[in-house]
Amino acid sequence: MTKTLLIALALTCTASFAQAQSCTVQATDKKLAGAAKISFLTKCEKDATAACDKQAADKKLAGAAKTSFTKKCVNDSVGG
C-alpha cells in the first residue's frame, strides 16, 4: 500500500513539473526562432497573465499585493 502511494506521488510530481515548464523553455524545446518565437512568447505571456490574475482574485488580493503577486507569477511562468 505504501509503495503504491509513493509511486502515485512521484508520478503526480513529475506531471506537475512537466506542465510547469516556462514559456522560454517551451520555445527552446520547440526550436522556435525569430517571429515565431516572439509570437509564441507573447501569447504565452498573455495566457500566464490571465491565469495569474485569476489566482490573485481567488486569493482575494488587491492593490500592491495583487500587483506583486501577479508580477512574480507571470515572471515565473514566462521564465524571466
PDB file of N, CA and C in Angstrom:
ATOM      1  N   MET A   1       0.834  -1.195   0.000  1.00  0.00           N
ATOM      2  CA  MET A   1       0.000   0.000   0.000  1.00  0.00           C
ATOM      3  C   MET A   1       0.880   1.260   0.000  1.00  0.00           C
ATOM      4  N   THR A   2       1.870   1.279   0.864  1.00  0.00           N
ATOM      5  CA  THR A   2       2.753   2.442   0.950  1.00  0.00           C
ATOM      6  C   THR A   2       3.536   2.620  -0.342  1.00  0.00           C
ATOM      7  N   LYS A   3       3.972   1.513  -0.907  1.00  0.00           N
ATOM      8  CA  LYS A   3       4.735   1.576  -2.154  1.00  0.00           C
ATOM      9  C   LYS A   3       3.883   2.165  -3.284  1.00  0.00           C
ATOM     10  N   THR A   4       2.625   1.780  -3.355  1.00  0.00           N
ATOM     11  CA  THR A   4       1.711   2.292  -4.368  1.00  0.00           C
ATOM     12  C   THR A   4       1.503   3.790  -4.186  1.00  0.00           C
ATOM     13  N   LEU A   5       1.358   4.207  -2.949  1.00  0.00           N
ATOM     14  CA  LEU A   5       1.165   5.629  -2.651  1.00  0.00           C
ATOM     15  C   LEU A   5       2.385   6.446  -3.065  1.00  0.00           C
ATOM     16  N   LEU A   6       3.571   5.944  -2.798  1.00  0.00           N
ATOM     17  CA  LEU A   6       4.794   6.647  -3.174  1.00  0.00           C
ATOM     18  C   LEU A   6       4.927   6.751  -4.699  1.00  0.00           C
ATOM     19  N   ILE A   7       4.585   5.694  -5.397  1.00  0.00           N
ATOM     20  CA  ILE A   7       4.651   5.725  -6.861  1.00  0.00           C
ATOM     21  C   ILE A   7       3.662   6.747  -7.416  1.00  0.00           C
ATOM     22  N   ALA A   8       2.451   6.759  -6.867  1.00  0.00           N
ATOM     23  CA  ALA A   8       1.441   7.721  -7.316  1.00  0.00           C
ATOM     24  C   ALA A   8       1.906   9.148  -7.053  1.00  0.00           C
ATOM     25  N   LEU A   9       2.501   9.384  -5.901  1.00  0.00           N
ATOM     26  CA  LEU A   9       3.009  10.714  -5.556  1.00  0.00           C
ATOM     27  C   LEU A   9       4.125  11.127  -6.513  1.00  0.00           C
ATOM     28  N   ALA A  10       5.024  10.209  -6.828  1.00  0.00           N
ATOM     29  CA  ALA A  10       6.124  10.511  -7.748  1.00  0.00           C
ATOM     30  C   ALA A  10       5.596  10.851  -9.138  1.00  0.00           C
ATOM     31  N   LEU A  11       4.602  10.116  -9.610  1.00  0.00           N
ATOM     32  CA  LEU A  11       4.018  10.397 -10.923  1.00  0.00           C
ATOM     33  C   LEU A  11       3.320  11.752 -10.942  1.00  0.00           C
ATOM     34  N   THR A  12       2.644  12.087  -9.866  1.00  0.00           N
ATOM     35  CA  THR A  12       1.965  13.377  -9.777  1.00  0.00           C
ATOM     36  C   THR A  12       2.973  14.517  -9.823  1.00  0.00           C
ATOM     37  N   CYS A  13       4.056  14.382  -9.090  1.00  0.00           N
ATOM     38  CA  CYS A  13       5.095  15.424  -9.085  1.00  0.00           C
ATOM     39  C   CYS A  13       5.725  15.571 -10.462  1.00  0.00           C
ATOM     40  N   THR A  14       5.962  14.462 -11.133  1.00  0.00           N
ATOM     41  CA  THR A  14       6.544  14.509 -12.465  1.00  0.00           C
ATOM     42  C   THR A  14       5.605  15.200 -13.444  1.00  0.00           C
ATOM     43  N   ALA A  15       4.320  14.884 -13.373  1.00  0.00           N
ATOM     44  CA  ALA A  15       3.340  15.507 -14.262  1.00  0.00           C
ATOM     45  C   ALA A  15       3.239  16.999 -13.983  1.00  0.00           C
ATOM     46  N   SER A  16       3.260  17.392 -12.724  1.00  0.00           N
ATOM     47  CA  SER A  16       3.181  18.807 -12.365  1.00  0.00           C
ATOM     48  C   SER A  16       4.391  19.557 -12.887  1.00  0.00           C
ATOM     49  N   PHE A  17       5.564  18.943 -12.802  1.00  0.00           N
ATOM     50  CA  PHE A  17       6.775  19.591 -13.283  1.00  0.00           C
ATOM     51  C   PHE A  17       6.714  19.780 -14.793  1.00  0.00           C
ATOM     52  N   ALA A  18       6.218  18.789 -15.497  1.00  0.00           N
ATOM     53  CA  ALA A  18       6.151  18.872 -16.949  1.00  0.00           C
ATOM     54  C   ALA A  18       5.204  19.982 -17.387  1.00  0.00           C
ATOM     55  N   GLN A  19       4.118  20.186 -16.664  1.00  0.00           N
ATOM     56  CA  GLN A  19       3.166  21.222 -17.009  1.00  0.00           C
ATOM     57  C   GLN A  19       3.678  22.599 -16.622  1.00  0.00           C
ATOM     58  N   ALA A  20       4.613  22.659 -15.700  1.00  0.00           N
ATOM     59  CA  ALA A  20       5.067  23.929 -15.172  1.00  0.00           C
ATOM     60  C   ALA A  20       6.281  24.491 -15.911  1.00  0.00           C
ATOM     61  N   GLN A  21       6.604  23.965 -17.088  1.00  0.00           N
ATOM     62  CA  GLN A  21       7.729  24.491 -17.835  1.00  0.00           C
ATOM     63  C   GLN A  21       7.464  25.940 -18.219  1.00  0.00           C
ATOM     64  N   SER A  22       8.506  26.746 -18.147  1.00  0.00           N
ATOM     65  CA  SER A  22       8.354  28.146 -18.508  1.00  0.00           C
ATOM     66  C   SER A  22       8.182  28.295 -20.016  1.00  0.00           C
ATOM     67  N   CYS A  23       7.680  29.442 -20.398  1.00  0.00           N
ATOM     68  CA  CYS A  23       7.460  29.731 -21.819  1.00  0.00           C
ATOM     69  C   CYS A  23       8.760  29.673 -22.609  1.00  0.00           C
ATOM     70  N   THR A  24       9.839  30.198 -22.039  1.00  0.00           N
ATOM     71  CA  THR A  24      11.112  30.204 -22.754  1.00  0.00           C
ATOM     72  C   THR A  24      11.640  28.787 -22.941  1.00  0.00           C
ATOM     73  N   VAL A  25      11.438  27.917 -21.963  1.00  0.00           N
ATOM     74  CA  VAL A  25      11.859  26.522 -22.090  1.00  0.00           C
ATOM     75  C   VAL A  25      11.036  25.831 -23.175  1.00  0.00           C
ATOM     76  N   GLN A  26       9.738  26.091 -23.179  1.00  0.00           N
ATOM     77  CA  GLN A  26       8.874  25.501 -24.206  1.00  0.00           C
ATOM     78  C   GLN A  26       9.286  25.972 -25.600  1.00  0.00           C
ATOM     79  N   ALA A  27       9.596  27.259 -25.737  1.00  0.00           N
ATOM     80  CA  ALA A  27      10.013  27.800 -27.032  1.00  0.00           C
ATOM     81  C   ALA A  27      11.319  27.157 -27.490  1.00  0.00           C
ATOM     82  N   THR A  28      12.238  26.947 -26.563  1.00  0.00           N
ATOM     83  CA  THR A  28      13.508  26.304 -26.887  1.00  0.00           C
ATOM     84  C   THR A  28      13.284  24.851 -27.295  1.00  0.00           C
ATOM     85  N   ASP A  29      12.424  24.158 -26.547  1.00  0.00           N
ATOM     86  CA  ASP A  29      12.121  22.758 -26.864  1.00  0.00           C
ATOM     87  C   ASP A  29      11.498  22.624 -28.255  1.00  0.00           C
ATOM     88  N   LYS A  30      10.686  23.623 -28.626  1.00  0.00           N
ATOM     89  CA  LYS A  30      10.033  23.605 -29.941  1.00  0.00           C
ATOM     90  C   LYS A  30      10.954  24.135 -31.038  1.00  0.00           C
ATOM     91  N   LYS A  31      12.153  24.588 -30.635  1.00  0.00           N
ATOM     92  CA  LYS A  31      13.155  25.124 -31.571  1.00  0.00           C
ATOM     93  C   LYS A  31      12.606  26.302 -32.365  1.00  0.00           C
ATOM     94  N   LEU A  32      11.892  27.187 -31.673  1.00  0.00           N
ATOM     95  CA  LEU A  32      11.337  28.373 -32.315  1.00  0.00           C
ATOM     96  C   LEU A  32      12.392  29.464 -32.393  1.00  0.00           C
ATOM     97  N   ALA A  33      12.301  30.281 -33.433  1.00  0.00           N
ATOM     98  CA  ALA A  33      13.230  31.399 -33.597  1.00  0.00           C
ATOM     99  C   ALA A  33      12.514  32.526 -34.318  1.00  0.00           C
ATOM    100  N   GLY A  34      13.048  33.713 -34.198  1.00  0.00           N
ATOM    101  CA  GLY A  34      12.525  34.876 -34.907  1.00  0.00           C
ATOM    102  C   GLY A  34      11.097  35.213 -34.544  1.00  0.00           C
ATOM    103  N   ALA A  35      10.307  35.502 -35.570  1.00  0.00           N
ATOM    104  CA  ALA A  35       8.925  35.943 -35.378  1.00  0.00           C
ATOM    105  C   ALA A  35       8.064  34.861 -34.714  1.00  0.00           C
ATOM    106  N   ALA A  36       8.318  33.610 -35.037  1.00  0.00           N
ATOM    107  CA  ALA A  36       7.539  32.521 -34.429  1.00  0.00           C
ATOM    108  C   ALA A  36       7.765  32.478 -32.920  1.00  0.00           C
ATOM    109  N   LYS A  37       9.013  32.676 -32.506  1.00  0.00           N
ATOM    110  CA  LYS A  37       9.335  32.671 -31.075  1.00  0.00           C
ATOM    111  C   LYS A  37       8.691  33.862 -30.376  1.00  0.00           C
ATOM    112  N   ILE A  38       8.781  35.031 -30.987  1.00  0.00           N
ATOM    113  CA  ILE A  38       8.191  36.236 -30.399  1.00  0.00           C
ATOM    114  C   ILE A  38       6.686  36.073 -30.265  1.00  0.00           C
ATOM    115  N   SER A  39       6.042  35.559 -31.295  1.00  0.00           N
ATOM    116  CA  SER A  39       4.597  35.335 -31.259  1.00  0.00           C
ATOM    117  C   SER A  39       4.224  34.342 -30.169  1.00  0.00           C
ATOM    118  N   PHE A  40       4.958  33.245 -30.079  1.00  0.00           N
ATOM    119  CA  PHE A  40       4.692  32.227 -29.056  1.00  0.00           C
ATOM    120  C   PHE A  40       4.852  32.813 -27.662  1.00  0.00           C
ATOM    121  N   LEU A  41       5.950  33.546 -27.434  1.00  0.00           N
ATOM    122  CA  LEU A  41       6.199  34.111 -26.106  1.00  0.00           C
ATOM    123  C   LEU A  41       5.159  35.163 -25.740  1.00  0.00           C
ATOM    124  N   THR A  42       4.703  35.952 -26.712  1.00  0.00           N
ATOM    125  CA  THR A  42       3.675  36.958 -26.459  1.00  0.00           C
ATOM    126  C   THR A  42       2.371  36.298 -26.028  1.00  0.00           C
ATOM    127  N   LYS A  43       1.951  35.268 -26.761  1.00  0.00           N
ATOM    128  CA  LYS A  43       0.721  34.548 -26.412  1.00  0.00           C
ATOM    129  C   LYS A  43       0.872  33.865 -25.056  1.00  0.00           C
ATOM    130  N   CYS A  44       2.004  33.257 -24.828  1.00  0.00           N
ATOM    131  CA  CYS A  44       2.248  32.560 -23.567  1.00  0.00           C
ATOM    132  C   CYS A  44       2.199  33.538 -22.388  1.00  0.00           C
ATOM    133  N   GLU A  45       2.762  34.738 -22.565  1.00  0.00           N
ATOM    134  CA  GLU A  45       2.744  35.746 -21.509  1.00  0.00           C
ATOM    135  C   GLU A  45       1.319  36.231 -21.244  1.00  0.00           C
ATOM    136  N   LYS A  46       0.522  36.418 -22.305  1.00  0.00           N
ATOM    137  CA  LYS A  46      -0.872  36.830 -22.127  1.00  0.00           C
ATOM    138  C   LYS A  46      -1.654  35.765 -21.371  1.00  0.00           C
ATOM    139  N   ASP A  47      -1.437  34.495 -21.735  1.00  0.00           N
ATOM    140  CA  ASP A  47      -2.116  33.392 -21.049  1.00  0.00           C
ATOM    141  C   ASP A  47      -1.695  33.326 -19.581  1.00  0.00           C
ATOM    142  N   ALA A  48      -0.402  33.522 -19.330  1.00  0.00           N
ATOM    143  CA  ALA A  48       0.108  33.495 -17.956  1.00  0.00           C
ATOM    144  C   ALA A  48      -0.472  34.650 -17.137  1.00  0.00           C
ATOM    145  N   THR A  49      -0.575  35.828 -17.748  1.00  0.00           N
ATOM    146  CA  THR A  49      -1.145  36.984 -17.053  1.00  0.00           C
ATOM    147  C   THR A  49      -2.593  36.728 -16.668  1.00  0.00           C
ATOM    148  N   ALA A  50      -3.353  36.156 -17.579  1.00  0.00           N
ATOM    149  CA  ALA A  50      -4.757  35.851 -17.287  1.00  0.00           C
ATOM    150  C   ALA A  50      -4.864  34.827 -16.157  1.00  0.00           C
ATOM    151  N   ALA A  51      -4.039  33.801 -16.203  1.00  0.00           N
ATOM    152  CA  ALA A  51      -4.075  32.767 -15.167  1.00  0.00           C
ATOM    153  C   ALA A  51      -3.643  33.337 -13.812  1.00  0.00           C
ATOM    154  N   CYS A  52      -2.630  34.179 -13.817  1.00  0.00           N
ATOM    155  CA  CYS A  52      -2.141  34.768 -12.563  1.00  0.00           C
ATOM    156  C   CYS A  52      -3.153  35.761 -11.988  1.00  0.00           C
ATOM    157  N   ASP A  53      -3.829  36.522 -12.851  1.00  0.00           N
ATOM    158  CA  ASP A  53      -4.873  37.429 -12.379  1.00  0.00           C
ATOM    159  C   ASP A  53      -6.002  36.648 -11.717  1.00  0.00           C
ATOM    160  N   LYS A  54      -6.348  35.501 -12.297  1.00  0.00           N
ATOM    161  CA  LYS A  54      -7.394  34.662 -11.720  1.00  0.00           C
ATOM    162  C   LYS A  54      -6.961  34.125 -10.357  1.00  0.00           C
ATOM    163  N   GLN A  55      -5.697  33.703 -10.256  1.00  0.00           N
ATOM    164  CA  GLN A  55      -5.189  33.206  -8.978  1.00  0.00           C
ATOM    165  C   GLN A  55      -5.214  34.308  -7.926  1.00  0.00           C
ATOM    166  N   ALA A  56      -4.841  35.522  -8.327  1.00  0.00           N
ATOM    167  CA  ALA A  56      -4.855  36.652  -7.394  1.00  0.00           C
ATOM    168  C   ALA A  56      -6.279  36.947  -6.934  1.00  0.00           C
ATOM    169  N   ALA A  57      -7.238  36.865  -7.847  1.00  0.00           N
ATOM    170  CA  ALA A  57      -8.638  37.086  -7.487  1.00  0.00           C
ATOM    171  C   ALA A  57      -9.133  35.996  -6.545  1.00  0.00           C
ATOM    172  N   ASP A  58      -8.739  34.755  -6.818  1.00  0.00           N
ATOM    173  CA  ASP A  58      -9.130  33.649  -5.945  1.00  0.00           C
ATOM    174  C   ASP A  58      -8.581  33.822  -4.538  1.00  0.00           C
ATOM    175  N   LYS A  59      -7.390  34.425  -4.440  1.00  0.00           N
ATOM    176  CA  LYS A  59      -6.771  34.682  -3.137  1.00  0.00           C
ATOM    177  C   LYS A  59      -7.259  35.990  -2.525  1.00  0.00           C
ATOM    178  N   LYS A  60      -8.127  36.689  -3.255  1.00  0.00           N
ATOM    179  CA  LYS A  60      -8.699  37.970  -2.819  1.00  0.00           C
ATOM    180  C   LYS A  60      -7.627  39.016  -2.522  1.00  0.00           C
ATOM    181  N   LEU A  61      -6.632  39.075  -3.405  1.00  0.00           N
ATOM    182  CA  LEU A  61      -5.576  40.067  -3.272  1.00  0.00           C
ATOM    183  C   LEU A  61      -5.996  41.357  -3.955  1.00  0.00           C
ATOM    184  N   ALA A  62      -5.496  42.475  -3.442  1.00  0.00           N
ATOM    185  CA  ALA A  62      -5.806  43.777  -4.030  1.00  0.00           C
ATOM    186  C   ALA A  62      -4.599  44.696  -3.880  1.00  0.00           C
ATOM    187  N   GLY A  63      -4.572  45.737  -4.678  1.00  0.00           N
ATOM    188  CA  GLY A  63      -3.536  46.760  -4.578  1.00  0.00           C
ATOM    189  C   GLY A  63      -2.140  46.238  -4.845  1.00  0.00           C
ATOM    190  N   ALA A  64      -1.204  46.659  -3.983  1.00  0.00           N
ATOM    191  CA  ALA A  64       0.199  46.303  -4.156  1.00  0.00           C
ATOM    192  C   ALA A  64       0.429  44.798  -4.031  1.00  0.00           C
ATOM    193  N   ALA A  65      -0.328  44.137  -3.167  1.00  0.00           N
ATOM    194  CA  ALA A  65      -0.178  42.689  -3.005  1.00  0.00           C
ATOM    195  C   ALA A  65      -0.543  41.960  -4.298  1.00  0.00           C
ATOM    196  N   LYS A  66      -1.616  42.405  -4.950  1.00  0.00           N
ATOM    197  CA  LYS A  66      -2.039  41.796  -6.211  1.00  0.00           C
ATOM    198  C   LYS A  66      -0.996  42.046  -7.299  1.00  0.00           C
ATOM    199  N   THR A  67      -0.520  43.276  -7.380  1.00  0.00           N
ATOM    200  CA  THR A  67       0.476  43.636  -8.386  1.00  0.00           C
ATOM    201  C   THR A  67       1.752  42.816  -8.204  1.00  0.00           C
ATOM    202  N   SER A  68       2.219  42.726  -6.967  1.00  0.00           N
ATOM    203  CA  SER A  68       3.432  41.973  -6.668  1.00  0.00           C
ATOM    204  C   SER A  68       3.257  40.491  -6.981  1.00  0.00           C
ATOM    205  N   PHE A  69       2.138  39.923  -6.548  1.00  0.00           N
ATOM    206  CA  PHE A  69       1.861  38.514  -6.802  1.00  0.00           C
ATOM    207  C   PHE A  69       1.801  38.230  -8.303  1.00  0.00           C
ATOM    208  N   THR A  70       1.062  39.064  -9.028  1.00  0.00           N
ATOM    209  CA  THR A  70       0.879  38.852 -10.461  1.00  0.00           C
ATOM    210  C   THR A  70       2.213  38.980 -11.201  1.00  0.00           C
ATOM    211  N   LYS A  71       3.008  39.975 -10.837  1.00  0.00           N
ATOM    212  CA  LYS A  71       4.306  40.184 -11.488  1.00  0.00           C
ATOM    213  C   LYS A  71       5.211  38.972 -11.289  1.00  0.00           C
ATOM    214  N   LYS A  72       5.289  38.468 -10.057  1.00  0.00           N
ATOM    215  CA  LYS A  72       6.128  37.310  -9.774  1.00  0.00           C
ATOM    216  C   LYS A  72       5.594  36.069 -10.473  1.00  0.00           C
ATOM    217  N   CYS A  73       4.287  35.885 -10.438  1.00  0.00           N
ATOM    218  CA  CYS A  73       3.649  34.735 -11.066  1.00  0.00           C
ATOM    219  C   CYS A  73       3.928  34.713 -12.565  1.00  0.00           C
ATOM    220  N   VAL A  74       3.733  35.822 -13.228  1.00  0.00           N
ATOM    221  CA  VAL A  74       3.950  35.910 -14.679  1.00  0.00           C
ATOM    222  C   VAL A  74       5.433  35.693 -14.987  1.00  0.00           C
ATOM    223  N   ASN A  75       6.310  36.310 -14.203  1.00  0.00           N
ATOM    224  CA  ASN A  75       7.743  36.155 -14.417  1.00  0.00           C
ATOM    225  C   ASN A  75       8.167  34.695 -14.282  1.00  0.00           C
ATOM    226  N   ASP A  76       7.622  34.010 -13.290  1.00  0.00           N
ATOM    227  CA  ASP A  76       7.930  32.583 -13.107  1.00  0.00           C
ATOM    228  C   ASP A  76       7.401  31.760 -14.282  1.00  0.00           C
ATOM    229  N   SER A  77       6.226  32.112 -14.784  1.00  0.00           N
ATOM    230  CA  SER A  77       5.631  31.361 -15.885  1.00  0.00           C
ATOM    231  C   SER A  77       6.358  31.584 -17.203  1.00  0.00           C
ATOM    232  N   VAL A  78       6.781  32.819 -17.435  1.00  0.00           N
ATOM    233  CA  VAL A  78       7.441  33.161 -18.694  1.00  0.00           C
ATOM    234  C   VAL A  78       8.882  32.677 -18.677  1.00  0.00           C
ATOM    235  N   GLY A  79       9.503  32.701 -17.541  1.00  0.00           N
ATOM    236  CA  GLY A  79      10.889  32.244 -17.463  1.00  0.00           C
ATOM    237  C   GLY A  79      11.884  33.363 -17.455  1.00  0.00           C
ATOM    238  N   GLY A  80      11.449  34.495 -17.015  1.00  0.00           N
ATOM    239  CA  GLY A  80      12.185  35.645 -16.737  1.00  0.00           C
ATOM    240  C   GLY A  80      13.168  36.287 -17.490  1.00  0.00           C
TER     241      GLY A  80
END
